[in-house]
Amino acid sequence: MPKRIRELLADLKKHGFVDRGGKGSHRNLVHEQGIRITISGKLAGDAKRYQERAVEEAIRRVRDEKKK
């Protein structure tokens, strides 16, 4: 069962990403380490698998940078 877009955004914000806004249904999030990610879709909509992978990758990059 896919996650909802709002769940992906909550995961990103929990790991320090800040929403910079966006145009239409797009949301641009940035981390203080310079990692950026764009998530599109309605908040209540199902996330695509590529979006879930992108969020997992962004969170992994944040964690890896903290270890250094």
PDB file of N, CA and C in Angstrom:
ATOM      1  N   MET A   1       0.840  -1.176   0.000  1.00  0.00           N
ATOM      2  CA  MET A   1       0.000   0.000   0.000  1.00  0.00           C
ATOM      3  C   MET A   1       0.889   1.244   0.000  1.00  0.00           C
ATOM      4  N   PRO A   2       0.708   2.113  -0.978  1.00  0.00           N
ATOM      5  CA  PRO A   2       1.576   3.302  -1.053  1.00  0.00           C
ATOM      6  C   PRO A   2       1.270   4.303   0.060  1.00  0.00           C
ATOM      7  N   LYS A   3       2.299   5.049   0.405  1.00  0.00           N
ATOM      8  CA  LYS A   3       2.115   6.126   1.375  1.00  0.00           C
ATOM      9  C   LYS A   3       1.369   7.274   0.712  1.00  0.00           C
ATOM     10  N   ARG A   4       0.860   8.153   1.517  1.00  0.00           N
ATOM     11  CA  ARG A   4       0.240   9.380   1.026  1.00  0.00           C
ATOM     12  C   ARG A   4       1.318  10.450   0.899  1.00  0.00           C
ATOM     13  N   ILE A   5       1.046  11.433   0.042  1.00  0.00           N
ATOM     14  CA  ILE A   5       1.995  12.538  -0.147  1.00  0.00           C
ATOM     15  C   ILE A   5       2.251  13.240   1.184  1.00  0.00           C
ATOM     16  N   ARG A   6       1.215  13.429   1.982  1.00  0.00           N
ATOM     17  CA  ARG A   6       1.390  14.120   3.269  1.00  0.00           C
ATOM     18  C   ARG A   6       2.327  13.345   4.196  1.00  0.00           C
ATOM     19  N   GLU A   7       2.340  12.009   4.097  1.00  0.00           N
ATOM     20  CA  GLU A   7       3.249  11.205   4.912  1.00  0.00           C
ATOM     21  C   GLU A   7       4.702  11.399   4.475  1.00  0.00           C
ATOM     22  N   LEU A   8       4.924  11.489   3.167  1.00  0.00           N
ATOM     23  CA  LEU A   8       6.278  11.745   2.675  1.00  0.00           C
ATOM     24  C   LEU A   8       6.782  13.097   3.161  1.00  0.00           C
ATOM     25  N   LEU A   9       5.917  14.106   3.088  1.00  0.00           N
ATOM     26  CA  LEU A   9       6.307  15.442   3.532  1.00  0.00           C
ATOM     27  C   LEU A   9       6.606  15.463   5.029  1.00  0.00           C
ATOM     28  N   ALA A  10       5.811  14.734   5.808  1.00  0.00           N
ATOM     29  CA  ALA A  10       6.038  14.672   7.252  1.00  0.00           C
ATOM     30  C   ALA A  10       7.375  14.002   7.556  1.00  0.00           C
ATOM     31  N   ASP A  11       7.705  12.936   6.822  1.00  0.00           N
ATOM     32  CA  ASP A  11       8.994  12.258   7.019  1.00  0.00           C
ATOM     33  C   ASP A  11      10.153  13.208   6.718  1.00  0.00           C
ATOM     34  N   LEU A  12      10.031  13.949   5.634  1.00  0.00           N
ATOM     35  CA  LEU A  12      11.095  14.887   5.270  1.00  0.00           C
ATOM     36  C   LEU A  12      11.247  15.989   6.318  1.00  0.00           C
ATOM     37  N   LYS A  13      10.136  16.555   6.763  1.00  0.00           N
ATOM     38  CA  LYS A  13      10.196  17.629   7.754  1.00  0.00           C
ATOM     39  C   LYS A  13      10.758  17.129   9.076  1.00  0.00           C
ATOM     40  N   LYS A  14      10.462  15.874   9.414  1.00  0.00           N
ATOM     41  CA  LYS A  14      10.982  15.281  10.646  1.00  0.00           C
ATOM     42  C   LYS A  14      12.508  15.180  10.605  1.00  0.00           C
ATOM     43  N   HIS A  15      13.067  15.068   9.408  1.00  0.00           N
ATOM     44  CA  HIS A  15      14.517  14.947   9.259  1.00  0.00           C
ATOM     45  C   HIS A  15      15.182  16.283   8.906  1.00  0.00           C
ATOM     46  N   GLY A  16      14.472  17.385   9.076  1.00  0.00           N
ATOM     47  CA  GLY A  16      15.089  18.696   8.952  1.00  0.00           C
ATOM     48  C   GLY A  16      14.885  19.419   7.634  1.00  0.00           C
ATOM     49  N   PHE A  17      14.058  18.898   6.760  1.00  0.00           N
ATOM     50  CA  PHE A  17      13.779  19.587   5.508  1.00  0.00           C
ATOM     51  C   PHE A  17      12.762  20.696   5.747  1.00  0.00           C
ATOM     52  N   VAL A  18      12.911  21.788   5.018  1.00  0.00           N
ATOM     53  CA  VAL A  18      12.027  22.947   5.138  1.00  0.00           C
ATOM     54  C   VAL A  18      11.327  23.164   3.808  1.00  0.00           C
ATOM     55  N   ASP A  19      10.021  23.380   3.860  1.00  0.00           N
ATOM     56  CA  ASP A  19       9.227  23.598   2.655  1.00  0.00           C
ATOM     57  C   ASP A  19       9.439  25.021   2.160  1.00  0.00           C
ATOM     58  N   ARG A  20       9.942  25.168   0.940  1.00  0.00           N
ATOM     59  CA  ARG A  20      10.166  26.481   0.341  1.00  0.00           C
ATOM     60  C   ARG A  20       8.986  26.930  -0.488  1.00  0.00           C
ATOM     61  N   GLY A  21       7.941  26.131  -0.536  1.00  0.00           N
ATOM     62  CA  GLY A  21       6.792  26.467  -1.369  1.00  0.00           C
ATOM     63  C   GLY A  21       6.954  25.852  -2.742  1.00  0.00           C
ATOM     64  N   GLY A  22       6.079  26.211  -3.619  1.00  0.00           N
ATOM     65  CA  GLY A  22       6.141  25.674  -4.966  1.00  0.00           C
ATOM     66  C   GLY A  22       4.981  26.199  -5.781  1.00  0.00           C
ATOM     67  N   LYS A  23       4.902  25.733  -6.997  1.00  0.00           N
ATOM     68  CA  LYS A  23       3.867  26.210  -7.899  1.00  0.00           C
ATOM     69  C   LYS A  23       2.891  25.073  -8.156  1.00  0.00           C
ATOM     70  N   GLY A  24       1.622  25.341  -7.952  1.00  0.00           N
ATOM     71  CA  GLY A  24       0.623  24.305  -8.167  1.00  0.00           C
ATOM     72  C   GLY A  24       0.724  23.230  -7.101  1.00  0.00           C
ATOM     73  N   SER A  25       0.785  21.979  -7.530  1.00  0.00           N
ATOM     74  CA  SER A  25       0.841  20.869  -6.583  1.00  0.00           C
ATOM     75  C   SER A  25       2.272  20.468  -6.237  1.00  0.00           C
ATOM     76  N   HIS A  26       3.256  21.251  -6.644  1.00  0.00           N
ATOM     77  CA  HIS A  26       4.656  20.935  -6.375  1.00  0.00           C
ATOM     78  C   HIS A  26       5.118  21.602  -5.088  1.00  0.00           C
ATOM     79  N   ARG A  27       5.901  20.863  -4.326  1.00  0.00           N
ATOM     80  CA  ARG A  27       6.483  21.387  -3.094  1.00  0.00           C
ATOM     81  C   ARG A  27       7.984  21.184  -3.158  1.00  0.00           C
ATOM     82  N   ASN A  28       8.714  22.250  -2.946  1.00  0.00           N
ATOM     83  CA  ASN A  28      10.179  22.199  -2.960  1.00  0.00           C
ATOM     84  C   ASN A  28      10.664  22.218  -1.527  1.00  0.00           C
ATOM     85  N   LEU A  29      11.425  21.213  -1.168  1.00  0.00           N
ATOM     86  CA  LEU A  29      11.966  21.138   0.181  1.00  0.00           C
ATOM     87  C   LEU A  29      13.481  21.164   0.104  1.00  0.00           C
ATOM     88  N   VAL A  30      14.083  21.808   1.089  1.00  0.00           N
ATOM     89  CA  VAL A  30      15.539  21.923   1.116  1.00  0.00           C
ATOM     90  C   VAL A  30      16.017  21.651   2.541  1.00  0.00           C
ATOM     91  N   HIS A  31      17.200  21.057   2.622  1.00  0.00           N
ATOM     92  CA  HIS A  31      17.820  20.780   3.924  1.00  0.00           C
ATOM     93  C   HIS A  31      18.985  21.738   4.087  1.00  0.00           C
ATOM     94  N   GLU A  32      19.369  22.011   5.312  1.00  0.00           N
ATOM     95  CA  GLU A  32      20.484  22.946   5.557  1.00  0.00           C
ATOM     96  C   GLU A  32      21.796  22.450   4.959  1.00  0.00           C
ATOM     97  N   GLN A  33      21.902  21.151   4.666  1.00  0.00           N
ATOM     98  CA  GLN A  33      23.107  20.599   4.048  1.00  0.00           C
ATOM     99  C   GLN A  33      23.113  20.792   2.537  1.00  0.00           C
ATOM    100  N   GLY A  34      22.065  21.406   1.997  1.00  0.00           N
ATOM    101  CA  GLY A  34      22.017  21.686   0.576  1.00  0.00           C
ATOM    102  C   GLY A  34      21.289  20.635  -0.245  1.00  0.00           C
ATOM    103  N   ILE A  35      20.720  19.646   0.401  1.00  0.00           N
ATOM    104  CA  ILE A  35      19.976  18.595  -0.297  1.00  0.00           C
ATOM    105  C   ILE A  35      18.589  19.128  -0.614  1.00  0.00           C
ATOM    106  N   ARG A  36      18.201  18.990  -1.902  1.00  0.00           N
ATOM    107  CA  ARG A  36      16.897  19.499  -2.334  1.00  0.00           C
ATOM    108  C   ARG A  36      16.075  18.353  -2.913  1.00  0.00           C
ATOM    109  N   ILE A  37      14.754  18.460  -2.755  1.00  0.00           N
ATOM    110  CA  ILE A  37      13.852  17.465  -3.318  1.00  0.00           C
ATOM    111  C   ILE A  37      12.528  18.150  -3.636  1.00  0.00           C
ATOM    112  N   THR A  38      11.904  17.730  -4.721  1.00  0.00           N
ATOM    113  CA  THR A  38      10.599  18.249  -5.117  1.00  0.00           C
ATOM    114  C   THR A  38       9.601  17.102  -5.092  1.00  0.00           C
ATOM    115  N   ILE A  39       8.480  17.333  -4.435  1.00  0.00           N
ATOM    116  CA  ILE A  39       7.401  16.345  -4.354  1.00  0.00           C
ATOM    117  C   ILE A  39       6.167  16.968  -4.997  1.00  0.00           C
ATOM    118  N   SER A  40       5.541  16.215  -5.894  1.00  0.00           N
ATOM    119  CA  SER A  40       4.334  16.721  -6.544  1.00  0.00           C
ATOM    120  C   SER A  40       3.156  15.832  -6.207  1.00  0.00           C
ATOM    121  N   GLY A  41       1.970  16.416  -6.248  1.00  0.00           N
ATOM    122  CA  GLY A  41       0.748  15.667  -6.000  1.00  0.00           C
ATOM    123  C   GLY A  41      -0.067  16.298  -4.891  1.00  0.00           C
ATOM    124  N   LYS A  42      -1.332  15.925  -4.855  1.00  0.00           N
ATOM    125  CA  LYS A  42      -2.214  16.417  -3.794  1.00  0.00           C
ATOM    126  C   LYS A  42      -1.858  15.736  -2.485  1.00  0.00           C
ATOM    127  N   LEU A  43      -2.061  16.428  -1.371  1.00  0.00           N
ATOM    128  CA  LEU A  43      -1.677  15.899  -0.066  1.00  0.00           C
ATOM    129  C   LEU A  43      -2.328  14.556   0.239  1.00  0.00           C
ATOM    130  N   ALA A  44      -3.577  14.381  -0.147  1.00  0.00           N
ATOM    131  CA  ALA A  44      -4.291  13.142   0.151  1.00  0.00           C
ATOM    132  C   ALA A  44      -4.058  12.064  -0.907  1.00  0.00           C
ATOM    133  N   GLY A  45      -3.304  12.381  -1.947  1.00  0.00           N
ATOM    134  CA  GLY A  45      -3.069  11.428  -3.021  1.00  0.00           C
ATOM    135  C   GLY A  45      -2.021  10.390  -2.663  1.00  0.00           C
ATOM    136  N   ASP A  46      -2.082   9.259  -3.350  1.00  0.00           N
ATOM    137  CA  ASP A  46      -1.079   8.213  -3.163  1.00  0.00           C
ATOM    138  C   ASP A  46       0.237   8.640  -3.805  1.00  0.00           C
ATOM    139  N   ALA A  47       1.332   8.333  -3.110  1.00  0.00           N
ATOM    140  CA  ALA A  47       2.654   8.631  -3.643  1.00  0.00           C
ATOM    141  C   ALA A  47       3.043   7.554  -4.645  1.00  0.00           C
ATOM    142  N   LYS A  48       3.758   7.947  -5.661  1.00  0.00           N
ATOM    143  CA  LYS A  48       4.311   7.000  -6.625  1.00  0.00           C
ATOM    144  C   LYS A  48       5.545   6.351  -5.999  1.00  0.00           C
ATOM    145  N   ARG A  49       5.880   5.182  -6.486  1.00  0.00           N
ATOM    146  CA  ARG A  49       7.027   4.464  -5.925  1.00  0.00           C
ATOM    147  C   ARG A  49       8.322   5.254  -6.116  1.00  0.00           C
ATOM    148  N   TYR A  50       8.456   5.953  -7.244  1.00  0.00           N
ATOM    149  CA  TYR A  50       9.685   6.736  -7.455  1.00  0.00           C
ATOM    150  C   TYR A  50       9.783   7.878  -6.451  1.00  0.00           C
ATOM    151  N   GLN A  51       8.640   8.413  -6.014  1.00  0.00           N
ATOM    152  CA  GLN A  51       8.661   9.471  -5.015  1.00  0.00           C
ATOM    153  C   GLN A  51       9.097   8.919  -3.660  1.00  0.00           C
ATOM    154  N   GLU A  52       8.597   7.743  -3.314  1.00  0.00           N
ATOM    155  CA  GLU A  52       8.995   7.117  -2.054  1.00  0.00           C
ATOM    156  C   GLU A  52      10.495   6.832  -2.050  1.00  0.00           C
ATOM    157  N   ARG A  53      11.020   6.341  -3.170  1.00  0.00           N
ATOM    158  CA  ARG A  53      12.461   6.066  -3.260  1.00  0.00           C
ATOM    159  C   ARG A  53      13.269   7.352  -3.153  1.00  0.00           C
ATOM    160  N   ALA A  54      12.791   8.423  -3.776  1.00  0.00           N
ATOM    161  CA  ALA A  54      13.511   9.702  -3.720  1.00  0.00           C
ATOM    162  C   ALA A  54      13.562  10.233  -2.291  1.00  0.00           C
ATOM    163  N   VAL A  55      12.471  10.092  -1.559  1.00  0.00           N
ATOM    164  CA  VAL A  55      12.440  10.541  -0.164  1.00  0.00           C
ATOM    165  C   VAL A  55      13.382   9.687   0.682  1.00  0.00           C
ATOM    166  N   GLU A  56      13.356   8.377   0.486  1.00  0.00           N
ATOM    167  CA  GLU A  56      14.261   7.489   1.221  1.00  0.00           C
ATOM    168  C   GLU A  56      15.721   7.853   0.944  1.00  0.00           C
ATOM    169  N   GLU A  57      16.026   8.142  -0.305  1.00  0.00           N
ATOM    170  CA  GLU A  57      17.388   8.509  -0.688  1.00  0.00           C
ATOM    171  C   GLU A  57      17.798   9.838  -0.046  1.00  0.00           C
ATOM    172  N   ALA A  58      16.912  10.824  -0.039  1.00  0.00           N
ATOM    173  CA  ALA A  58      17.228  12.126   0.553  1.00  0.00           C
ATOM    174  C   ALA A  58      17.469  11.988   2.051  1.00  0.00           C
ATOM    175  N   ILE A  59      16.648  11.201   2.724  1.00  0.00           N
ATOM    176  CA  ILE A  59      16.827  10.995   4.161  1.00  0.00           C
ATOM    177  C   ILE A  59      18.125  10.243   4.427  1.00  0.00           C
ATOM    178  N   ARG A  60      18.438   9.257   3.600  1.00  0.00           N
ATOM    179  CA  ARG A  60      19.686   8.512   3.757  1.00  0.00           C
ATOM    180  C   ARG A  60      20.887   9.437   3.596  1.00  0.00           C
ATOM    181  N   ARG A  61      20.818  10.355   2.623  1.00  0.00           N
ATOM    182  CA  ARG A  61      21.921  11.296   2.410  1.00  0.00           C
ATOM    183  C   ARG A  61      22.113  12.206   3.620  1.00  0.00           C
ATOM    184  N   VAL A  62      21.019  12.643   4.239  1.00  0.00           N
ATOM    185  CA  VAL A  62      21.106  13.483   5.428  1.00  0.00           C
ATOM    186  C   VAL A  62      21.777  12.723   6.562  1.00  0.00           C
ATOM    187  N   ARG A  63      21.360  11.484   6.757  1.00  0.00           N
ATOM    188  CA  ARG A  63      21.940  10.670   7.815  1.00  0.00           C
ATOM    189  C   ARG A  63      23.433  10.414   7.578  1.00  0.00           C
ATOM    190  N   ASP A  64      23.799  10.137   6.329  1.00  0.00           N
ATOM    191  CA  ASP A  64      25.202   9.888   6.001  1.00  0.00           C
ATOM    192  C   ASP A  64      26.062  11.111   6.231  1.00  0.00           C
ATOM    193  N   GLU A  65      25.539  12.293   5.924  1.00  0.00           N
ATOM    194  CA  GLU A  65      26.290  13.532   6.133  1.00  0.00           C
ATOM    195  C   GLU A  65      26.487  13.812   7.615  1.00  0.00           C
ATOM    196  N   LYS A  66      25.514  13.441   8.428  1.00  0.00           N
ATOM    197  CA  LYS A  66      25.644  13.669   9.874  1.00  0.00           C
ATOM    198  C   LYS A  66      26.713  12.782  10.488  1.00  0.00           C
ATOM    199  N   LYS A  67      26.913  11.605   9.895  1.00  0.00           N
ATOM    200  CA  LYS A  67      27.917  10.671  10.418  1.00  0.00           C
ATOM    201  C   LYS A  67      29.339  11.160  10.179  1.00  0.00           C
ATOM    202  N   LYS A  68      29.526  11.994   9.167  1.00  0.00           N
ATOM    203  CA  LYS A  68      30.882  12.470   8.820  1.00  0.00           C
ATOM    204  C   LYS A  68      31.420  13.438   9.820  1.00  0.00           C
TER     205      LYS A  68
END
